PDB file of N, CA and C in Angstrom:
ATOM      1  N   MET A   1       0.839  -1.162   0.000  1.00  0.00           N
ATOM      2  CA  MET A   1       0.000   0.000   0.000  1.00  0.00           C
ATOM      3  C   MET A   1       0.889   1.230   0.000  1.00  0.00           C
ATOM      4  N   TRP A   2       0.463   2.240  -0.744  1.00  0.00           N
ATOM      5  CA  TRP A   2       1.142   3.522  -0.668  1.00  0.00           C
ATOM      6  C   TRP A   2       0.108   4.625  -0.782  1.00  0.00           C
ATOM      7  N   ILE A   3       0.497   5.808  -0.364  1.00  0.00           N
ATOM      8  CA  ILE A   3      -0.387   6.968  -0.371  1.00  0.00           C
ATOM      9  C   ILE A   3       0.226   8.001  -1.295  1.00  0.00           C
ATOM     10  N   ASP A   4      -0.564   8.491  -2.244  1.00  0.00           N
ATOM     11  CA  ASP A   4      -0.017   9.479  -3.179  1.00  0.00           C
ATOM     12  C   ASP A   4      -0.059  10.883  -2.575  1.00  0.00           C
ATOM     13  N   ASP A   5       0.425  11.851  -3.329  1.00  0.00           N
ATOM     14  CA  ASP A   5       0.512  13.231  -2.845  1.00  0.00           C
ATOM     15  C   ASP A   5      -0.839  13.837  -2.493  1.00  0.00           C
ATOM     16  N   ASP A   6      -1.910  13.282  -3.064  1.00  0.00           N
ATOM     17  CA  ASP A   6      -3.254  13.771  -2.775  1.00  0.00           C
ATOM     18  C   ASP A   6      -3.896  13.045  -1.585  1.00  0.00           C
ATOM     19  N   GLY A   7      -3.146  12.128  -0.966  1.00  0.00           N
ATOM     20  CA  GLY A   7      -3.674  11.390   0.178  1.00  0.00           C
ATOM     21  C   GLY A   7      -4.511  10.187  -0.195  1.00  0.00           C
ATOM     22  N   VAL A   8      -4.481   9.792  -1.465  1.00  0.00           N
ATOM     23  CA  VAL A   8      -5.255   8.639  -1.920  1.00  0.00           C
ATOM     24  C   VAL A   8      -4.456   7.365  -1.651  1.00  0.00           C
ATOM     25  N   VAL A   9      -5.127   6.379  -1.066  1.00  0.00           N
ATOM     26  CA  VAL A   9      -4.501   5.108  -0.734  1.00  0.00           C
ATOM     27  C   VAL A   9      -4.563   4.184  -1.945  1.00  0.00           C
ATOM     28  N   HIS A  10      -3.437   3.536  -2.249  1.00  0.00           N
ATOM     29  CA  HIS A  10      -3.362   2.604  -3.374  1.00  0.00           C
ATOM     30  C   HIS A  10      -2.884   1.245  -2.890  1.00  0.00           C
ATOM     31  N   THR A  11      -3.414   0.199  -3.500  1.00  0.00           N
ATOM     32  CA  THR A  11      -2.945  -1.153  -3.247  1.00  0.00           C
ATOM     33  C   THR A  11      -2.635  -1.795  -4.595  1.00  0.00           C
ATOM     34  N   VAL A  12      -1.940  -2.908  -4.558  1.00  0.00           N
ATOM     35  CA  VAL A  12      -1.605  -3.642  -5.773  1.00  0.00           C
ATOM     36  C   VAL A  12      -2.495  -4.875  -5.850  1.00  0.00           C
ATOM     37  N   ALA A  13      -3.130  -5.061  -6.987  1.00  0.00           N
ATOM     38  CA  ALA A  13      -3.966  -6.247  -7.174  1.00  0.00           C
ATOM     39  C   ALA A  13      -3.076  -7.482  -7.242  1.00  0.00           C
ATOM     40  N   LEU A  14      -3.502  -8.526  -6.595  1.00  0.00           N
ATOM     41  CA  LEU A  14      -2.765  -9.787  -6.600  1.00  0.00           C
ATOM     42  C   LEU A  14      -3.478 -10.787  -7.502  1.00  0.00           C
ATOM     43  N   PRO A  15      -2.724 -11.659  -8.180  1.00  0.00           N
ATOM     44  CA  PRO A  15      -3.380 -12.668  -9.011  1.00  0.00           C
ATOM     45  C   PRO A  15      -4.340 -13.538  -8.205  1.00  0.00           C
ATOM     46  N   SER A  16      -3.986 -13.805  -6.952  1.00  0.00           N
ATOM     47  CA  SER A  16      -4.841 -14.612  -6.080  1.00  0.00           C
ATOM     48  C   SER A  16      -4.682 -14.115  -4.651  1.00  0.00           C
ATOM     49  N   PRO A  17      -5.795 -13.924  -3.952  1.00  0.00           N
ATOM     50  CA  PRO A  17      -5.684 -13.470  -2.567  1.00  0.00           C
ATOM     51  C   PRO A  17      -4.968 -14.472  -1.670  1.00  0.00           C
ATOM     52  N   THR A  18      -4.915 -15.720  -2.103  1.00  0.00           N
ATOM     53  CA  THR A  18      -4.262 -16.742  -1.278  1.00  0.00           C
ATOM     54  C   THR A  18      -2.748 -16.563  -1.217  1.00  0.00           C
ATOM     55  N   GLU A  19      -2.177 -15.724  -2.068  1.00  0.00           N
ATOM     56  CA  GLU A  19      -0.734 -15.475  -2.033  1.00  0.00           C
ATOM     57  C   GLU A  19      -0.289 -14.941  -0.672  1.00  0.00           C
ATOM     58  N   LEU A  20      -1.188 -14.260   0.017  1.00  0.00           N
ATOM     59  CA  LEU A  20      -0.838 -13.682   1.313  1.00  0.00           C
ATOM     60  C   LEU A  20      -1.084 -14.647   2.464  1.00  0.00           C
ATOM     61  N   MET A  21      -1.595 -15.836   2.170  1.00  0.00           N
ATOM     62  CA  MET A  21      -2.001 -16.779   3.214  1.00  0.00           C
ATOM     63  C   MET A  21      -1.180 -18.060   3.158  1.00  0.00           C
ATOM     64  N   SER A  22      -0.649 -18.460   4.308  1.00  0.00           N
ATOM     65  CA  SER A  22      -0.003 -19.774   4.368  1.00  0.00           C
ATOM     66  C   SER A  22      -1.102 -20.836   4.292  1.00  0.00           C
ATOM     67  N   ALA A  23      -0.709 -22.051   3.964  1.00  0.00           N
ATOM     68  CA  ALA A  23      -1.690 -23.145   3.884  1.00  0.00           C
ATOM     69  C   ALA A  23      -2.368 -23.372   5.233  1.00  0.00           C
ATOM     70  N   GLY A  24      -1.607 -23.279   6.313  1.00  0.00           N
ATOM     71  CA  GLY A  24      -2.178 -23.470   7.648  1.00  0.00           C
ATOM     72  C   GLY A  24      -3.197 -22.406   7.997  1.00  0.00           C
ATOM     73  N   PHE A  25      -2.882 -21.163   7.668  1.00  0.00           N
ATOM     74  CA  PHE A  25      -3.829 -20.076   7.929  1.00  0.00           C
ATOM     75  C   PHE A  25      -5.095 -20.293   7.115  1.00  0.00           C
ATOM     76  N   ARG A  26      -4.924 -20.566   5.830  1.00  0.00           N
ATOM     77  CA  ARG A  26      -6.083 -20.716   4.936  1.00  0.00           C
ATOM     78  C   ARG A  26      -6.986 -21.866   5.383  1.00  0.00           C
ATOM     79  N   GLY A  27      -6.405 -22.977   5.766  1.00  0.00           N
ATOM     80  CA  GLY A  27      -7.207 -24.109   6.218  1.00  0.00           C
ATOM     81  C   GLY A  27      -8.013 -23.770   7.459  1.00  0.00           C
ATOM     82  N   SER A  28      -7.384 -23.079   8.399  1.00  0.00           N
ATOM     83  CA  SER A  28      -8.108 -22.721   9.623  1.00  0.00           C
ATOM     84  C   SER A  28      -9.148 -21.639   9.343  1.00  0.00           C
ATOM     85  N   LEU A  29      -8.841 -20.715   8.429  1.00  0.00           N
ATOM     86  CA  LEU A  29      -9.823 -19.697   8.051  1.00  0.00           C
ATOM     87  C   LEU A  29     -11.035 -20.358   7.397  1.00  0.00           C
ATOM     88  N   ASP A  30     -10.794 -21.318   6.527  1.00  0.00           N
ATOM     89  CA  ASP A  30     -11.901 -22.035   5.877  1.00  0.00           C
ATOM     90  C   ASP A  30     -12.802 -22.697   6.918  1.00  0.00           C
ATOM     91  N   ALA A  31     -12.200 -23.281   7.938  1.00  0.00           N
ATOM     92  CA  ALA A  31     -12.986 -23.924   9.002  1.00  0.00           C
ATOM     93  C   ALA A  31     -13.800 -22.894   9.775  1.00  0.00           C
ATOM     94  N   LEU A  32     -13.210 -21.739  10.039  1.00  0.00           N
ATOM     95  CA  LEU A  32     -13.919 -20.663  10.740  1.00  0.00           C
ATOM     96  C   LEU A  32     -15.075 -20.145   9.895  1.00  0.00           C
ATOM     97  N   VAL A  33     -14.857 -20.030   8.609  1.00  0.00           N
ATOM     98  CA  VAL A  33     -15.908 -19.563   7.691  1.00  0.00           C
ATOM     99  C   VAL A  33     -17.064 -20.547   7.656  1.00  0.00           C
ATOM    100  N   GLU A  34     -16.775 -21.831   7.722  1.00  0.00           N
ATOM    101  CA  GLU A  34     -17.849 -22.837   7.733  1.00  0.00           C
ATOM    102  C   GLU A  34     -18.760 -22.670   8.941  1.00  0.00           C
ATOM    103  N   VAL A  35     -18.200 -22.223  10.045  1.00  0.00           N
ATOM    104  CA  VAL A  35     -18.976 -22.049  11.276  1.00  0.00           C
ATOM    105  C   VAL A  35     -19.807 -20.767  11.228  1.00  0.00           C
ATOM    106  N   ASP A  36     -19.209 -19.671  10.721  1.00  0.00           N
ATOM    107  CA  ASP A  36     -19.904 -18.379  10.785  1.00  0.00           C
ATOM    108  C   ASP A  36     -19.377 -17.412   9.723  1.00  0.00           C
ATOM    109  N   SER A  37     -19.681 -17.682   8.471  1.00  0.00           N
ATOM    110  CA  SER A  37     -19.139 -16.893   7.364  1.00  0.00           C
ATOM    111  C   SER A  37     -19.530 -15.419   7.433  1.00  0.00           C
ATOM    112  N   ARG A  38     -20.761 -15.134   7.831  1.00  0.00           N
ATOM    113  CA  ARG A  38     -21.225 -13.747   7.865  1.00  0.00           C
ATOM    114  C   ARG A  38     -20.419 -12.914   8.863  1.00  0.00           C
ATOM    115  N   ARG A  39     -20.189 -13.462  10.043  1.00  0.00           N
ATOM    116  CA  ARG A  39     -19.439 -12.710  11.058  1.00  0.00           C
ATOM    117  C   ARG A  39     -17.974 -12.545  10.668  1.00  0.00           C
ATOM    118  N   VAL A  40     -17.416 -13.518   9.960  1.00  0.00           N
ATOM    119  CA  VAL A  40     -16.031 -13.390   9.489  1.00  0.00           C
ATOM    120  C   VAL A  40     -15.943 -12.240   8.489  1.00  0.00           C
ATOM    121  N   LEU A  41     -16.856 -12.215   7.526  1.00  0.00           N
ATOM    122  CA  LEU A  41     -16.854 -11.133   6.535  1.00  0.00           C
ATOM    123  C   LEU A  41     -17.139  -9.791   7.200  1.00  0.00           C
ATOM    124  N   ASP A  42     -18.057  -9.759   8.144  1.00  0.00           N
ATOM    125  CA  ASP A  42     -18.343  -8.512   8.874  1.00  0.00           C
ATOM    126  C   ASP A  42     -17.091  -7.991   9.580  1.00  0.00           C
ATOM    127  N   LEU A  43     -16.321  -8.889  10.177  1.00  0.00           N
ATOM    128  CA  LEU A  43     -15.085  -8.487  10.860  1.00  0.00           C
ATOM    129  C   LEU A  43     -14.103  -7.867   9.870  1.00  0.00           C
ATOM    130  N   VAL A  44     -13.918  -8.512   8.737  1.00  0.00           N
ATOM    131  CA  VAL A  44     -12.985  -7.997   7.726  1.00  0.00           C
ATOM    132  C   VAL A  44     -13.450  -6.634   7.224  1.00  0.00           C
ATOM    133  N   GLU A  45     -14.732  -6.505   6.922  1.00  0.00           N
ATOM    134  CA  GLU A  45     -15.255  -5.230   6.425  1.00  0.00           C
ATOM    135  C   GLU A  45     -15.140  -4.121   7.476  1.00  0.00           C
ATOM    136  N   SER A  46     -15.410  -4.439   8.732  1.00  0.00           N
ATOM    137  CA  SER A  46     -15.303  -3.415   9.775  1.00  0.00           C
ATOM    138  C   SER A  46     -13.846  -3.012   9.984  1.00  0.00           C
ATOM    139  N   GLN A  47     -12.924  -3.964   9.851  1.00  0.00           N
ATOM    140  CA  GLN A  47     -11.501  -3.631   9.967  1.00  0.00           C
ATOM    141  C   GLN A  47     -11.044  -2.750   8.808  1.00  0.00           C
ATOM    142  N   GLN A  48     -11.597  -2.985   7.615  1.00  0.00           N
ATOM    143  CA  GLN A  48     -11.290  -2.110   6.468  1.00  0.00           C
ATOM    144  C   GLN A  48     -11.768  -0.693   6.748  1.00  0.00           C
ATOM    145  N   ASP A  49     -13.006  -0.573   7.187  1.00  0.00           N
ATOM    146  CA  ASP A  49     -13.561   0.750   7.491  1.00  0.00           C
ATOM    147  C   ASP A  49     -12.724   1.454   8.548  1.00  0.00           C
ATOM    148  N   ARG A  50     -12.350   0.721   9.588  1.00  0.00           N
ATOM    149  CA  ARG A  50     -11.528   1.295  10.655  1.00  0.00           C
ATOM    150  C   ARG A  50     -10.179   1.755  10.115  1.00  0.00           C
ATOM    151  N   PHE A  51      -9.569   0.935   9.293  1.00  0.00           N
ATOM    152  CA  PHE A  51      -8.266   1.303   8.748  1.00  0.00           C
ATOM    153  C   PHE A  51      -8.364   2.599   7.945  1.00  0.00           C
ATOM    154  N   LEU A  52      -9.347   2.678   7.070  1.00  0.00           N
ATOM    155  CA  LEU A  52      -9.462   3.837   6.193  1.00  0.00           C
ATOM    156  C   LEU A  52      -9.871   5.105   6.929  1.00  0.00           C
ATOM    157  N   SER A  53     -10.617   4.961   8.030  1.00  0.00           N
ATOM    158  CA  SER A  53     -11.091   6.158   8.721  1.00  0.00           C
ATOM    159  C   SER A  53     -10.256   6.546   9.940  1.00  0.00           C
ATOM    160  N   VAL A  54      -9.592   5.584  10.565  1.00  0.00           N
ATOM    161  CA  VAL A  54      -8.888   5.875  11.816  1.00  0.00           C
ATOM    162  C   VAL A  54      -7.391   5.624  11.711  1.00  0.00           C
ATOM    163  N   GLU A  55      -7.017   4.415  11.313  1.00  0.00           N
ATOM    164  CA  GLU A  55      -5.619   4.014  11.377  1.00  0.00           C
ATOM    165  C   GLU A  55      -4.746   4.615  10.289  1.00  0.00           C
ATOM    166  N   ASN A  56      -5.328   5.021   9.199  1.00  0.00           N
ATOM    167  CA  ASN A  56      -4.527   5.509   8.088  1.00  0.00           C
ATOM    168  C   ASN A  56      -4.322   7.017   8.129  1.00  0.00           C
ATOM    169  N   VAL A  57      -4.644   7.653   9.208  1.00  0.00           N
ATOM    170  CA  VAL A  57      -4.483   9.099   9.325  1.00  0.00           C
ATOM    171  C   VAL A  57      -3.080   9.368   9.863  1.00  0.00           C
ATOM    172  N   SER A  58      -2.174   9.647   8.954  1.00  0.00           N
ATOM    173  CA  SER A  58      -0.804   9.939   9.358  1.00  0.00           C
ATOM    174  C   SER A  58      -0.171  10.838   8.304  1.00  0.00           C
ATOM    175  N   PRO A  59       0.858  11.573   8.705  1.00  0.00           N
ATOM    176  CA  PRO A  59       1.528  12.442   7.727  1.00  0.00           C
ATOM    177  C   PRO A  59       2.114  11.618   6.577  1.00  0.00           C
ATOM    178  N   ILE A  60       2.160  12.213   5.409  1.00  0.00           N
ATOM    179  CA  ILE A  60       2.676  11.535   4.224  1.00  0.00           C
ATOM    180  C   ILE A  60       4.104  12.001   3.968  1.00  0.00           C
ATOM    181  N   ASP A  61       5.022  11.054   3.906  1.00  0.00           N
ATOM    182  CA  ASP A  61       6.406  11.337   3.565  1.00  0.00           C
ATOM    183  C   ASP A  61       6.636  10.793   2.159  1.00  0.00           C
ATOM    184  N   ALA A  62       6.829  11.690   1.199  1.00  0.00           N
ATOM    185  CA  ALA A  62       6.934  11.295  -0.207  1.00  0.00           C
ATOM    186  C   ALA A  62       8.056  10.287  -0.447  1.00  0.00           C
ATOM    187  N   ASP A  63       9.191  10.447   0.215  1.00  0.00           N
ATOM    188  CA  ASP A  63      10.301   9.514   0.012  1.00  0.00           C
ATOM    189  C   ASP A  63       9.945   8.112   0.493  1.00  0.00           C
ATOM    190  N   THR A  64       9.299   8.027   1.647  1.00  0.00           N
ATOM    191  CA  THR A  64       8.882   6.725   2.162  1.00  0.00           C
ATOM    192  C   THR A  64       7.859   6.093   1.231  1.00  0.00           C
ATOM    193  N   GLU A  65       6.874   6.862   0.820  1.00  0.00           N
ATOM    194  CA  GLU A  65       5.817   6.321  -0.047  1.00  0.00           C
ATOM    195  C   GLU A  65       6.376   5.861  -1.379  1.00  0.00           C
ATOM    196  N   ALA A  66       7.370   6.550  -1.892  1.00  0.00           N
ATOM    197  CA  ALA A  66       7.948   6.183  -3.193  1.00  0.00           C
ATOM    198  C   ALA A  66       8.530   4.767  -3.152  1.00  0.00           C
ATOM    199  N   ARG A  67       9.064   4.362  -2.016  1.00  0.00           N
ATOM    200  CA  ARG A  67       9.637   3.013  -1.892  1.00  0.00           C
ATOM    201  C   ARG A  67       8.572   1.932  -2.008  1.00  0.00           C
ATOM    202  N   PHE A  68       7.333   2.264  -1.704  1.00  0.00           N
ATOM    203  CA  PHE A  68       6.260   1.266  -1.707  1.00  0.00           C
ATOM    204  C   PHE A  68       5.366   1.352  -2.939  1.00  0.00           C
ATOM    205  N   HIS A  69       5.611   2.330  -3.797  1.00  0.00           N
ATOM    206  CA  HIS A  69       4.792   2.492  -5.003  1.00  0.00           C
ATOM    207  C   HIS A  69       4.861   1.209  -5.842  1.00  0.00           C
ATOM    208  N   GLY A  70       3.736   0.548  -6.002  1.00  0.00           N
ATOM    209  CA  GLY A  70       3.648  -0.669  -6.805  1.00  0.00           C
ATOM    210  C   GLY A  70       4.169  -1.923  -6.136  1.00  0.00           C
ATOM    211  N   ALA A  71       4.618  -1.832  -4.884  1.00  0.00           N
ATOM    212  CA  ALA A  71       5.159  -3.006  -4.185  1.00  0.00           C
ATOM    213  C   ALA A  71       4.028  -3.910  -3.717  1.00  0.00           C
ATOM    214  N   THR A  72       4.284  -5.204  -3.765  1.00  0.00           N
ATOM    215  CA  THR A  72       3.304  -6.161  -3.267  1.00  0.00           C
ATOM    216  C   THR A  72       3.705  -6.623  -1.861  1.00  0.00           C
ATOM    217  N   PRO A  73       2.726  -6.978  -1.066  1.00  0.00           N
ATOM    218  CA  PRO A  73       3.036  -7.473   0.280  1.00  0.00           C
ATOM    219  C   PRO A  73       3.800  -8.793   0.211  1.00  0.00           C
ATOM    220  N   PRO A  74       4.505  -9.133   1.268  1.00  0.00           N
ATOM    221  CA  PRO A  74       5.213 -10.418   1.296  1.00  0.00           C
ATOM    222  C   PRO A  74       4.235 -11.592   1.206  1.00  0.00           C
ATOM    223  N   ARG A  75       4.648 -12.641   0.541  1.00  0.00           N
ATOM    224  CA  ARG A  75       3.835 -13.863   0.461  1.00  0.00           C
ATOM    225  C   ARG A  75       3.709 -14.488   1.846  1.00  0.00           C
ATOM    226  N   ASN A  76       2.611 -15.195   2.040  1.00  0.00           N
ATOM    227  CA  ASN A  76       2.347 -15.899   3.303  1.00  0.00           C
ATOM    228  C   ASN A  76       2.419 -14.973   4.519  1.00  0.00           C
ATOM    229  N   LEU A  77       2.014 -13.740   4.324  1.00  0.00           N
ATOM    230  CA  LEU A  77       2.005 -12.767   5.411  1.00  0.00           C
ATOM    231  C   LEU A  77       1.060 -13.201   6.530  1.00  0.00           C
ATOM    232  N   LEU A  78      -0.046 -13.826   6.160  1.00  0.00           N
ATOM    233  CA  LEU A  78      -0.981 -14.369   7.141  1.00  0.00           C
ATOM    234  C   LEU A  78      -0.582 -15.810   7.399  1.00  0.00           C
ATOM    235  N   ASP A  79      -0.093 -16.064   8.605  1.00  0.00           N
ATOM    236  CA  ASP A  79       0.448 -17.379   8.916  1.00  0.00           C
ATOM    237  C   ASP A  79      -0.070 -17.824  10.277  1.00  0.00           C
ATOM    238  N   GLY A  80      -0.212 -19.099  10.443  1.00  0.00           N
ATOM    239  CA  GLY A  80      -0.664 -19.633  11.717  1.00  0.00           C
ATOM    240  C   GLY A  80      -2.164 -19.807  11.737  1.00  0.00           C
ATOM    241  N   PRO A  81      -2.623 -20.650  12.618  1.00  0.00           N
ATOM    242  CA  PRO A  81      -4.050 -20.977  12.660  1.00  0.00           C
ATOM    243  C   PRO A  81      -4.892 -19.900  13.349  1.00  0.00           C
ATOM    244  N   VAL A  82      -6.138 -19.805  12.929  1.00  0.00           N
ATOM    245  CA  VAL A  82      -7.147 -18.977  13.596  1.00  0.00           C
ATOM    246  C   VAL A  82      -8.353 -19.865  13.856  1.00  0.00           C
ATOM    247  N   SER A  83      -8.822 -19.853  15.089  1.00  0.00           N
ATOM    248  CA  SER A  83      -9.976 -20.701  15.390  1.00  0.00           C
ATOM    249  C   SER A  83     -11.178 -19.904  15.859  1.00  0.00           C
ATOM    250  N   THR A  84     -10.972 -18.609  16.137  1.00  0.00           N
ATOM    251  CA  THR A  84     -12.072 -17.751  16.578  1.00  0.00           C
ATOM    252  C   THR A  84     -11.986 -16.409  15.854  1.00  0.00           C
ATOM    253  N   LEU A  85     -13.061 -15.642  15.947  1.00  0.00           N
ATOM    254  CA  LEU A  85     -13.032 -14.294  15.383  1.00  0.00           C
ATOM    255  C   LEU A  85     -11.976 -13.437  16.074  1.00  0.00           C
ATOM    256  N   ASP A  86     -11.815 -13.636  17.380  1.00  0.00           N
ATOM    257  CA  ASP A  86     -10.776 -12.895  18.106  1.00  0.00           C
ATOM    258  C   ASP A  86      -9.395 -13.228  17.565  1.00  0.00           C
ATOM    259  N   ASP A  87      -9.161 -14.510  17.259  1.00  0.00           N
ATOM    260  CA  ASP A  87      -7.876 -14.907  16.666  1.00  0.00           C
ATOM    261  C   ASP A  87      -7.651 -14.183  15.340  1.00  0.00           C
ATOM    262  N   LEU A  88      -8.681 -14.172  14.501  1.00  0.00           N
ATOM    263  CA  LEU A  88      -8.565 -13.515  13.200  1.00  0.00           C
ATOM    264  C   LEU A  88      -8.302 -12.027  13.383  1.00  0.00           C
ATOM    265  N   GLY A  89      -9.025 -11.394  14.288  1.00  0.00           N
ATOM    266  CA  GLY A  89      -8.801  -9.973  14.559  1.00  0.00           C
ATOM    267  C   GLY A  89      -7.388  -9.707  15.035  1.00  0.00           C
ATOM    268  N   ALA A  90      -6.854 -10.593  15.868  1.00  0.00           N
ATOM    269  CA  ALA A  90      -5.486 -10.431  16.378  1.00  0.00           C
ATOM    270  C   ALA A  90      -4.455 -10.591  15.262  1.00  0.00           C
ATOM    271  N   VAL A  91      -4.687 -11.545  14.364  1.00  0.00           N
ATOM    272  CA  VAL A  91      -3.762 -11.740  13.243  1.00  0.00           C
ATOM    273  C   VAL A  91      -3.764 -10.500  12.350  1.00  0.00           C
ATOM    274  N   ILE A  92      -4.939  -9.976  12.073  1.00  0.00           N
ATOM    275  CA  ILE A  92      -5.039  -8.768  11.242  1.00  0.00           C
ATOM    276  C   ILE A  92      -4.332  -7.602  11.929  1.00  0.00           C
ATOM    277  N   ALA A  93      -4.579  -7.423  13.211  1.00  0.00           N
ATOM    278  CA  ALA A  93      -3.972  -6.308  13.957  1.00  0.00           C
ATOM    279  C   ALA A  93      -2.455  -6.421  14.016  1.00  0.00           C
ATOM    280  N   ALA A  94      -1.933  -7.640  13.959  1.00  0.00           N
ATOM    281  CA  ALA A  94      -0.488  -7.841  14.037  1.00  0.00           C
ATOM    282  C   ALA A  94       0.235  -7.538  12.718  1.00  0.00           C
ATOM    283  N   VAL A  95      -0.518  -7.424  11.629  1.00  0.00           N
ATOM    284  CA  VAL A  95       0.091  -7.126  10.332  1.00  0.00           C
ATOM    285  C   VAL A  95       0.562  -5.673  10.334  1.00  0.00           C
ATOM    286  N   ASP A  96       1.768  -5.478   9.860  1.00  0.00           N
ATOM    287  CA  ASP A  96       2.312  -4.126   9.750  1.00  0.00           C
ATOM    288  C   ASP A  96       1.316  -3.223   9.022  1.00  0.00           C
ATOM    289  N   ARG A  97       1.135  -2.033   9.541  1.00  0.00           N
ATOM    290  CA  ARG A  97       0.182  -1.083   8.974  1.00  0.00           C
ATOM    291  C   ARG A  97       0.378  -0.890   7.469  1.00  0.00           C
ATOM    292  N   ARG A  98       1.594  -0.987   7.029  1.00  0.00           N
ATOM    293  CA  ARG A  98       1.904  -0.812   5.605  1.00  0.00           C
ATOM    294  C   ARG A  98       1.156  -1.826   4.743  1.00  0.00           C
ATOM    295  N   TRP A  99       0.966  -3.033   5.258  1.00  0.00           N
ATOM    296  CA  TRP A  99       0.347  -4.105   4.469  1.00  0.00           C
ATOM    297  C   TRP A  99      -1.073  -4.433   4.912  1.00  0.00           C
ATOM    298  N   ARG A 100      -1.555  -3.788   5.959  1.00  0.00           N
ATOM    299  CA  ARG A 100      -2.849  -4.194   6.521  1.00  0.00           C
ATOM    300  C   ARG A 100      -4.000  -4.043   5.527  1.00  0.00           C
ATOM    301  N   LEU A 101      -4.070  -2.944   4.786  1.00  0.00           N
ATOM    302  CA  LEU A 101      -5.163  -2.782   3.824  1.00  0.00           C
ATOM    303  C   LEU A 101      -5.073  -3.830   2.725  1.00  0.00           C
ATOM    304  N   ASP A 102      -3.872  -4.138   2.280  1.00  0.00           N
ATOM    305  CA  ASP A 102      -3.706  -5.187   1.271  1.00  0.00           C
ATOM    306  C   ASP A 102      -4.241  -6.522   1.800  1.00  0.00           C
ATOM    307  N   VAL A 103      -3.917  -6.826   3.052  1.00  0.00           N
ATOM    308  CA  VAL A 103      -4.382  -8.057   3.687  1.00  0.00           C
ATOM    309  C   VAL A 103      -5.902  -8.067   3.788  1.00  0.00           C
ATOM    310  N   LEU A 104      -6.476  -6.970   4.230  1.00  0.00           N
ATOM    311  CA  LEU A 104      -7.929  -6.897   4.378  1.00  0.00           C
ATOM    312  C   LEU A 104      -8.638  -7.055   3.037  1.00  0.00           C
ATOM    313  N   MET A 105      -8.085  -6.436   1.999  1.00  0.00           N
ATOM    314  CA  MET A 105      -8.694  -6.565   0.680  1.00  0.00           C
ATOM    315  C   MET A 105      -8.551  -7.998   0.152  1.00  0.00           C
ATOM    316  N   ALA A 106      -7.410  -8.631   0.397  1.00  0.00           N
ATOM    317  CA  ALA A 106      -7.236 -10.016  -0.026  1.00  0.00           C
ATOM    318  C   ALA A 106      -8.213 -10.932   0.707  1.00  0.00           C
ATOM    319  N   LEU A 107      -8.378 -10.706   2.002  1.00  0.00           N
ATOM    320  CA  LEU A 107      -9.342 -11.505   2.764  1.00  0.00           C
ATOM    321  C   LEU A 107     -10.757 -11.315   2.226  1.00  0.00           C
ATOM    322  N   GLU A 108     -11.124 -10.076   1.959  1.00  0.00           N
ATOM    323  CA  GLU A 108     -12.466  -9.826   1.416  1.00  0.00           C
ATOM    324  C   GLU A 108     -12.646 -10.536   0.080  1.00  0.00           C
ATOM    325  N   ASP A 109     -11.643 -10.445  -0.791  1.00  0.00           N
ATOM    326  CA  ASP A 109     -11.725 -11.132  -2.088  1.00  0.00           C
ATOM    327  C   ASP A 109     -11.868 -12.637  -1.901  1.00  0.00           C
ATOM    328  N   TYR A 110     -11.135 -13.176  -0.963  1.00  0.00           N
ATOM    329  CA  TYR A 110     -11.166 -14.617  -0.715  1.00  0.00           C
ATOM    330  C   TYR A 110     -12.531 -15.058  -0.183  1.00  0.00           C
ATOM    331  N   LEU A 111     -13.109 -14.226   0.663  1.00  0.00           N
ATOM    332  CA  LEU A 111     -14.374 -14.589   1.327  1.00  0.00           C
ATOM    333  C   LEU A 111     -15.603 -14.376   0.456  1.00  0.00           C
ATOM    334  N   THR A 112     -15.493 -13.555  -0.573  1.00  0.00           N
ATOM    335  CA  THR A 112     -16.677 -13.249  -1.401  1.00  0.00           C
ATOM    336  C   THR A 112     -16.645 -13.900  -2.749  1.00  0.00           C
TER     337      THR A 112
END
């Protein structure tokens, strides 16, 4: 993710949202979705809204942003099992702010 001079947030489209997920994470997420898919998607969507309205309010440093222009997040960024919504929320919160929106968008794509 990077922010341009106008304050617009940009992400890079990935060929597959699973690129950001380890096999262990994905398997446990699939099991969680089987139990309560609506609440999982609601959590991801609310985290996106929170990121865009609260967490992403910071000064823009053009030199820093230039390093991330067009960069993709690291593969398997989401790793380890999640068995509850709290677990999923904790995994999302632990992702570096730089990649959090990319992760949230990948999760939304995967879930829908």
